[in-house]
Amino acid sequence: MRTWTLTCVTALVLCAGGALQIQAAEKAGKTEKVDRTGTAERNGLIGKWSIVEAAPAPWVRSKERNTLVEHARKLVATEVTFEPGSIASTNQGLACKRAMYQVGTYPTDALFRGLLPDGSQDRIARELGLTKAGADVPSVDVDCAGGYFTYHFRDRNTALFAWDDVIYTLKRR
């Protein structure tokens, strides 16, 4: 019972933190809500994509990397189609019947939910091809019943997202 209570409290704290981050970004004018139909022209995700690369995230300890590499390879070549109001994919973890999109930008210290190692965020963002000279990174937040993902754009045809301590690279098809 104690473990279950602790798990519930942790989940509530994480959800509240995510909601506060979104609210702060909205107040700063850095996000634009996109309705369920996804008709806002700025939503760069709409279309067909394929996962072309997967690598352990920079915040993962080195002894865990090999296990993650094996797991991550399974998703390479997975197709994902972002449609107005939904996401289609052969991987059920990425599919979503009621997608809510939110377009915005993130500074390097907030990329991948702020998990990039402190003091190295700018360097890592540059290495991932996400930013030049500390500029904010164009992104789309996707809220689904099965999870919440943020897709950060390297360019209009390349987006990166983190899932289970792996950074996946998507290319537009």
C-alpha atoms as a PDB file:
ATOM      1  CA  MET A   1       0.000   0.000   0.000  1.00  0.00           C
ATOM      2  CA  ARG A   2       2.824   2.369   0.874  1.00  0.00           C
ATOM      3  CA  THR A   3       4.531   1.820  -2.511  1.00  0.00           C
ATOM      4  CA  TRP A   4       1.261   2.427  -4.346  1.00  0.00           C
ATOM      5  CA  THR A   5       0.671   5.673  -2.427  1.00  0.00           C
ATOM      6  CA  LEU A   6       4.220   6.819  -3.129  1.00  0.00           C
ATOM      7  CA  THR A   7       3.776   6.018  -6.835  1.00  0.00           C
ATOM      8  CA  CYS A   8       0.522   8.008  -6.986  1.00  0.00           C
ATOM      9  CA  VAL A   9       2.066  11.004  -5.215  1.00  0.00           C
ATOM     10  CA  THR A  10       5.067  10.925  -7.566  1.00  0.00           C
ATOM     11  CA  ALA A  11       2.775  10.786 -10.617  1.00  0.00           C
ATOM     12  CA  LEU A  12       0.751  13.747  -9.346  1.00  0.00           C
ATOM     13  CA  VAL A  13       3.883  15.807  -8.714  1.00  0.00           C
ATOM     14  CA  LEU A  14       5.220  15.039 -12.215  1.00  0.00           C
ATOM     15  CA  CYS A  15       1.881  15.926 -13.838  1.00  0.00           C
ATOM     16  CA  ALA A  16       1.659  19.173 -11.892  1.00  0.00           C
ATOM     17  CA  GLY A  17       5.230  20.073 -12.869  1.00  0.00           C
ATOM     18  CA  GLY A  18       4.465  19.487 -16.555  1.00  0.00           C
ATOM     19  CA  ALA A  19       1.310  21.593 -16.341  1.00  0.00           C
ATOM     20  CA  LEU A  20       3.235  24.427 -14.654  1.00  0.00           C
ATOM     21  CA  GLN A  21       5.907  24.302 -17.381  1.00  0.00           C
ATOM     22  CA  ILE A  22       3.235  24.596 -20.078  1.00  0.00           C
ATOM     23  CA  GLN A  23       1.494  27.445 -18.234  1.00  0.00           C
ATOM     24  CA  ALA A  24       4.786  29.312 -17.832  1.00  0.00           C
ATOM     25  CA  ALA A  25       5.571  28.901 -21.529  1.00  0.00           C
ATOM     26  CA  GLU A  26       2.085  30.109 -22.465  1.00  0.00           C
ATOM     27  CA  LYS A  27       2.467  33.197 -20.266  1.00  0.00           C
ATOM     28  CA  ALA A  28       5.843  33.902 -21.844  1.00  0.00           C
ATOM     29  CA  GLY A  29       4.138  33.825 -25.248  1.00  0.00           C
ATOM     30  CA  LYS A  30       6.228  30.893 -26.409  1.00  0.00           C
ATOM     31  CA  THR A  31       3.433  28.466 -27.252  1.00  0.00           C
ATOM     32  CA  GLU A  32       0.369  28.480 -29.432  1.00  0.00           C
ATOM     33  CA  LYS A  33      -2.484  26.121 -28.740  1.00  0.00           C
ATOM     34  CA  VAL A  34      -3.517  24.090 -31.733  1.00  0.00           C
ATOM     35  CA  ASP A  35      -7.000  22.648 -31.736  1.00  0.00           C
ATOM     36  CA  ARG A  36      -7.641  18.904 -31.936  1.00  0.00           C
ATOM     37  CA  THR A  37      -8.045  19.120 -35.699  1.00  0.00           C
ATOM     38  CA  GLY A  38      -4.449  20.343 -35.938  1.00  0.00           C
ATOM     39  CA  THR A  39      -5.363  22.909 -38.596  1.00  0.00           C
ATOM     40  CA  ALA A  40      -2.942  25.583 -37.403  1.00  0.00           C
ATOM     41  CA  GLU A  41      -0.487  26.167 -40.233  1.00  0.00           C
ATOM     42  CA  ARG A  42       2.459  26.299 -37.849  1.00  0.00           C
ATOM     43  CA  ASN A  43       2.099  22.642 -36.782  1.00  0.00           C
ATOM     44  CA  GLY A  44       5.087  21.255 -38.660  1.00  0.00           C
ATOM     45  CA  LEU A  45       4.397  17.668 -37.583  1.00  0.00           C
ATOM     46  CA  ILE A  46       1.381  17.046 -39.801  1.00  0.00           C
ATOM     47  CA  GLY A  47       2.396  14.455 -42.403  1.00  0.00           C
ATOM     48  CA  LYS A  48       4.210  11.143 -42.743  1.00  0.00           C
ATOM     49  CA  TRP A  49       7.466  10.524 -40.884  1.00  0.00           C
ATOM     50  CA  SER A  50       9.846   7.630 -40.283  1.00  0.00           C
ATOM     51  CA  ILE A  51      12.200   6.986 -37.355  1.00  0.00           C
ATOM     52  CA  VAL A  52      15.676   6.932 -38.896  1.00  0.00           C
ATOM     53  CA  GLU A  53      17.932   6.953 -35.850  1.00  0.00           C
ATOM     54  CA  ALA A  54      17.876   6.091 -32.162  1.00  0.00           C
ATOM     55  CA  ALA A  55      20.540   6.789 -29.556  1.00  0.00           C
ATOM     56  CA  PRO A  56      20.692   6.670 -25.769  1.00  0.00           C
ATOM     57  CA  ALA A  57      19.944  10.078 -24.273  1.00  0.00           C
ATOM     58  CA  PRO A  58      22.864  12.137 -22.903  1.00  0.00           C
ATOM     59  CA  TRP A  59      21.504  11.892 -19.348  1.00  0.00           C
ATOM     60  CA  VAL A  60      21.758   8.075 -19.312  1.00  0.00           C
ATOM     61  CA  ARG A  61      24.613   6.486 -17.346  1.00  0.00           C
ATOM     62  CA  SER A  62      27.179   4.693 -19.505  1.00  0.00           C
ATOM     63  CA  LYS A  63      26.518   1.233 -18.036  1.00  0.00           C
ATOM     64  CA  GLU A  64      22.866   1.425 -19.170  1.00  0.00           C
ATOM     65  CA  ARG A  65      23.629   2.492 -22.750  1.00  0.00           C
ATOM     66  CA  ASN A  66      24.114  -0.969 -24.311  1.00  0.00           C
ATOM     67  CA  THR A  67      20.721  -2.189 -23.113  1.00  0.00           C
ATOM     68  CA  LEU A  68      19.082   0.961 -24.465  1.00  0.00           C
ATOM     69  CA  VAL A  69      20.781   0.607 -27.858  1.00  0.00           C
ATOM     70  CA  GLU A  70      19.292  -2.871 -28.320  1.00  0.00           C
ATOM     71  CA  HIS A  71      15.824  -1.671 -27.289  1.00  0.00           C
ATOM     72  CA  ALA A  72      16.014   1.475 -29.423  1.00  0.00           C
ATOM     73  CA  ARG A  73      16.954  -0.320 -32.654  1.00  0.00           C
ATOM     74  CA  LYS A  74      13.546  -2.001 -32.684  1.00  0.00           C
ATOM     75  CA  LEU A  75      11.842   1.310 -33.477  1.00  0.00           C
ATOM     76  CA  VAL A  76      14.141   2.386 -36.327  1.00  0.00           C
ATOM     77  CA  ALA A  77      12.151   2.383 -39.595  1.00  0.00           C
ATOM     78  CA  THR A  78       8.851   2.711 -37.722  1.00  0.00           C
ATOM     79  CA  GLU A  79       6.459   4.972 -39.605  1.00  0.00           C
ATOM     80  CA  VAL A  80       4.453   7.655 -37.826  1.00  0.00           C
ATOM     81  CA  THR A  81       1.712   9.708 -39.484  1.00  0.00           C
ATOM     82  CA  PHE A  82       0.620  12.873 -37.704  1.00  0.00           C
ATOM     83  CA  GLU A  83      -2.906  13.750 -38.737  1.00  0.00           C
ATOM     84  CA  PRO A  84      -5.235  16.492 -37.582  1.00  0.00           C
ATOM     85  CA  GLY A  85      -6.464  15.188 -34.221  1.00  0.00           C
ATOM     86  CA  SER A  86      -4.675  11.809 -34.287  1.00  0.00           C
ATOM     87  CA  ILE A  87      -1.434   9.921 -34.791  1.00  0.00           C
ATOM     88  CA  ALA A  88      -1.188   6.645 -36.719  1.00  0.00           C
ATOM     89  CA  SER A  89       1.700   4.221 -36.261  1.00  0.00           C
ATOM     90  CA  THR A  90       2.385   0.506 -36.271  1.00  0.00           C
ATOM     91  CA  ASN A  91       3.865   1.050 -32.797  1.00  0.00           C
ATOM     92  CA  GLN A  92       0.920   1.363 -30.412  1.00  0.00           C
ATOM     93  CA  GLY A  93       2.960   3.467 -27.972  1.00  0.00           C
ATOM     94  CA  LEU A  94       3.249   6.204 -30.604  1.00  0.00           C
ATOM     95  CA  ALA A  95      -0.311   5.961 -31.965  1.00  0.00           C
ATOM     96  CA  CYS A  96      -3.005   8.266 -30.599  1.00  0.00           C
ATOM     97  CA  LYS A  97      -6.680   8.665 -31.408  1.00  0.00           C
ATOM     98  CA  ARG A  98      -7.185  12.086 -29.789  1.00  0.00           C
ATOM     99  CA  ALA A  99      -4.009  14.101 -30.239  1.00  0.00           C
ATOM    100  CA  MET A 100      -3.819  17.653 -28.944  1.00  0.00           C
ATOM    101  CA  TYR A 101      -1.010  19.685 -30.506  1.00  0.00           C
ATOM    102  CA  GLN A 102       0.674  22.754 -29.046  1.00  0.00           C
ATOM    103  CA  VAL A 103       3.233  24.684 -31.109  1.00  0.00           C
ATOM    104  CA  GLY A 104       5.998  26.648 -29.422  1.00  0.00           C
ATOM    105  CA  THR A 105       9.700  27.016 -28.751  1.00  0.00           C
ATOM    106  CA  TYR A 106      12.000  25.838 -25.985  1.00  0.00           C
ATOM    107  CA  PRO A 107      15.320  27.230 -24.732  1.00  0.00           C
ATOM    108  CA  THR A 108      18.138  24.675 -24.587  1.00  0.00           C
ATOM    109  CA  ASP A 109      17.820  24.190 -20.829  1.00  0.00           C
ATOM    110  CA  ALA A 110      14.204  23.023 -21.285  1.00  0.00           C
ATOM    111  CA  LEU A 111      14.767  20.581 -24.167  1.00  0.00           C
ATOM    112  CA  PHE A 112      13.693  16.999 -23.503  1.00  0.00           C
ATOM    113  CA  ARG A 113      11.815  18.106 -20.378  1.00  0.00           C
ATOM    114  CA  GLY A 114      14.922  19.772 -18.986  1.00  0.00           C
ATOM    115  CA  LEU A 115      16.833  16.478 -18.730  1.00  0.00           C
ATOM    116  CA  LEU A 116      19.981  17.564 -20.589  1.00  0.00           C
ATOM    117  CA  PRO A 117      22.905  17.655 -18.100  1.00  0.00           C
ATOM    118  CA  ASP A 118      23.375  21.040 -16.415  1.00  0.00           C
ATOM    119  CA  GLY A 119      26.089  23.166 -17.932  1.00  0.00           C
ATOM    120  CA  SER A 120      26.088  21.153 -21.153  1.00  0.00           C
ATOM    121  CA  GLN A 121      22.663  21.983 -22.588  1.00  0.00           C
ATOM    122  CA  ASP A 122      23.869  24.437 -25.250  1.00  0.00           C
ATOM    123  CA  ARG A 123      26.693  22.141 -26.391  1.00  0.00           C
ATOM    124  CA  ILE A 124      24.470  19.049 -26.556  1.00  0.00           C
ATOM    125  CA  ALA A 125      21.708  20.948 -28.386  1.00  0.00           C
ATOM    126  CA  ARG A 126      24.281  22.070 -30.970  1.00  0.00           C
ATOM    127  CA  GLU A 127      25.633  18.496 -31.297  1.00  0.00           C
ATOM    128  CA  LEU A 128      22.081  17.262 -31.915  1.00  0.00           C
ATOM    129  CA  GLY A 129      21.700  19.964 -34.573  1.00  0.00           C
ATOM    130  CA  LEU A 130      18.866  21.664 -32.706  1.00  0.00           C
ATOM    131  CA  THR A 131      20.185  25.162 -32.219  1.00  0.00           C
ATOM    132  CA  LYS A 132      22.716  27.730 -33.243  1.00  0.00           C
ATOM    133  CA  ALA A 133      24.012  30.408 -30.853  1.00  0.00           C
ATOM    134  CA  GLY A 134      21.572  29.580 -28.063  1.00  0.00           C
ATOM    135  CA  ALA A 135      18.393  30.307 -30.042  1.00  0.00           C
ATOM    136  CA  ASP A 136      15.112  28.757 -28.908  1.00  0.00           C
ATOM    137  CA  VAL A 137      14.185  25.493 -30.633  1.00  0.00           C
ATOM    138  CA  PRO A 138      10.877  25.218 -32.553  1.00  0.00           C
ATOM    139  CA  SER A 139       8.835  22.388 -31.045  1.00  0.00           C
ATOM    140  CA  VAL A 140       5.427  20.748 -30.977  1.00  0.00           C
ATOM    141  CA  ASP A 141       3.982  19.240 -27.804  1.00  0.00           C
ATOM    142  CA  VAL A 142       1.576  16.359 -28.364  1.00  0.00           C
ATOM    143  CA  ASP A 143      -0.798  15.336 -25.594  1.00  0.00           C
ATOM    144  CA  CYS A 144      -2.389  11.896 -25.926  1.00  0.00           C
ATOM    145  CA  ALA A 145      -4.166   9.583 -23.529  1.00  0.00           C
ATOM    146  CA  GLY A 146      -1.130   7.279 -23.654  1.00  0.00           C
ATOM    147  CA  GLY A 147       1.465   9.956 -22.971  1.00  0.00           C
ATOM    148  CA  TYR A 148       2.889  13.371 -23.617  1.00  0.00           C
ATOM    149  CA  PHE A 149       5.646  13.835 -26.204  1.00  0.00           C
ATOM    150  CA  THR A 150       7.582  16.898 -27.312  1.00  0.00           C
ATOM    151  CA  TYR A 151       9.059  16.937 -30.811  1.00  0.00           C
ATOM    152  CA  HIS A 152      11.987  19.351 -31.281  1.00  0.00           C
ATOM    153  CA  PHE A 153      12.810  20.423 -34.847  1.00  0.00           C
ATOM    154  CA  ARG A 154      16.322  20.330 -36.276  1.00  0.00           C
ATOM    155  CA  ASP A 155      14.826  21.614 -39.542  1.00  0.00           C
ATOM    156  CA  ARG A 156      11.388  21.398 -41.157  1.00  0.00           C
ATOM    157  CA  ASN A 157      11.988  17.763 -42.202  1.00  0.00           C
ATOM    158  CA  THR A 158      13.802  16.465 -39.102  1.00  0.00           C
ATOM    159  CA  ALA A 159      12.429  16.221 -35.564  1.00  0.00           C
ATOM    160  CA  LEU A 160      13.794  14.627 -32.388  1.00  0.00           C
ATOM    161  CA  PHE A 161      11.899  13.266 -29.397  1.00  0.00           C
ATOM    162  CA  ALA A 162      12.821  11.379 -26.244  1.00  0.00           C
ATOM    163  CA  TRP A 163      11.096   8.200 -25.105  1.00  0.00           C
ATOM    164  CA  ASP A 164      12.297   5.860 -22.371  1.00  0.00           C
ATOM    165  CA  ASP A 165      15.757   7.479 -22.200  1.00  0.00           C
ATOM    166  CA  VAL A 166      16.327   7.216 -25.956  1.00  0.00           C
ATOM    167  CA  ILE A 167      16.411  10.134 -28.401  1.00  0.00           C
ATOM    168  CA  TYR A 168      14.743   9.210 -31.680  1.00  0.00           C
ATOM    169  CA  THR A 169      15.209  11.109 -34.931  1.00  0.00           C
ATOM    170  CA  LEU A 170      12.258  11.387 -37.320  1.00  0.00           C
ATOM    171  CA  LYS A 171      12.563  12.299 -41.000  1.00  0.00           C
ATOM    172  CA  ARG A 172       9.646  13.506 -43.095  1.00  0.00           C
ATOM    173  CA  ARG A 173       8.750  11.073 -45.892  1.00  0.00           C
END
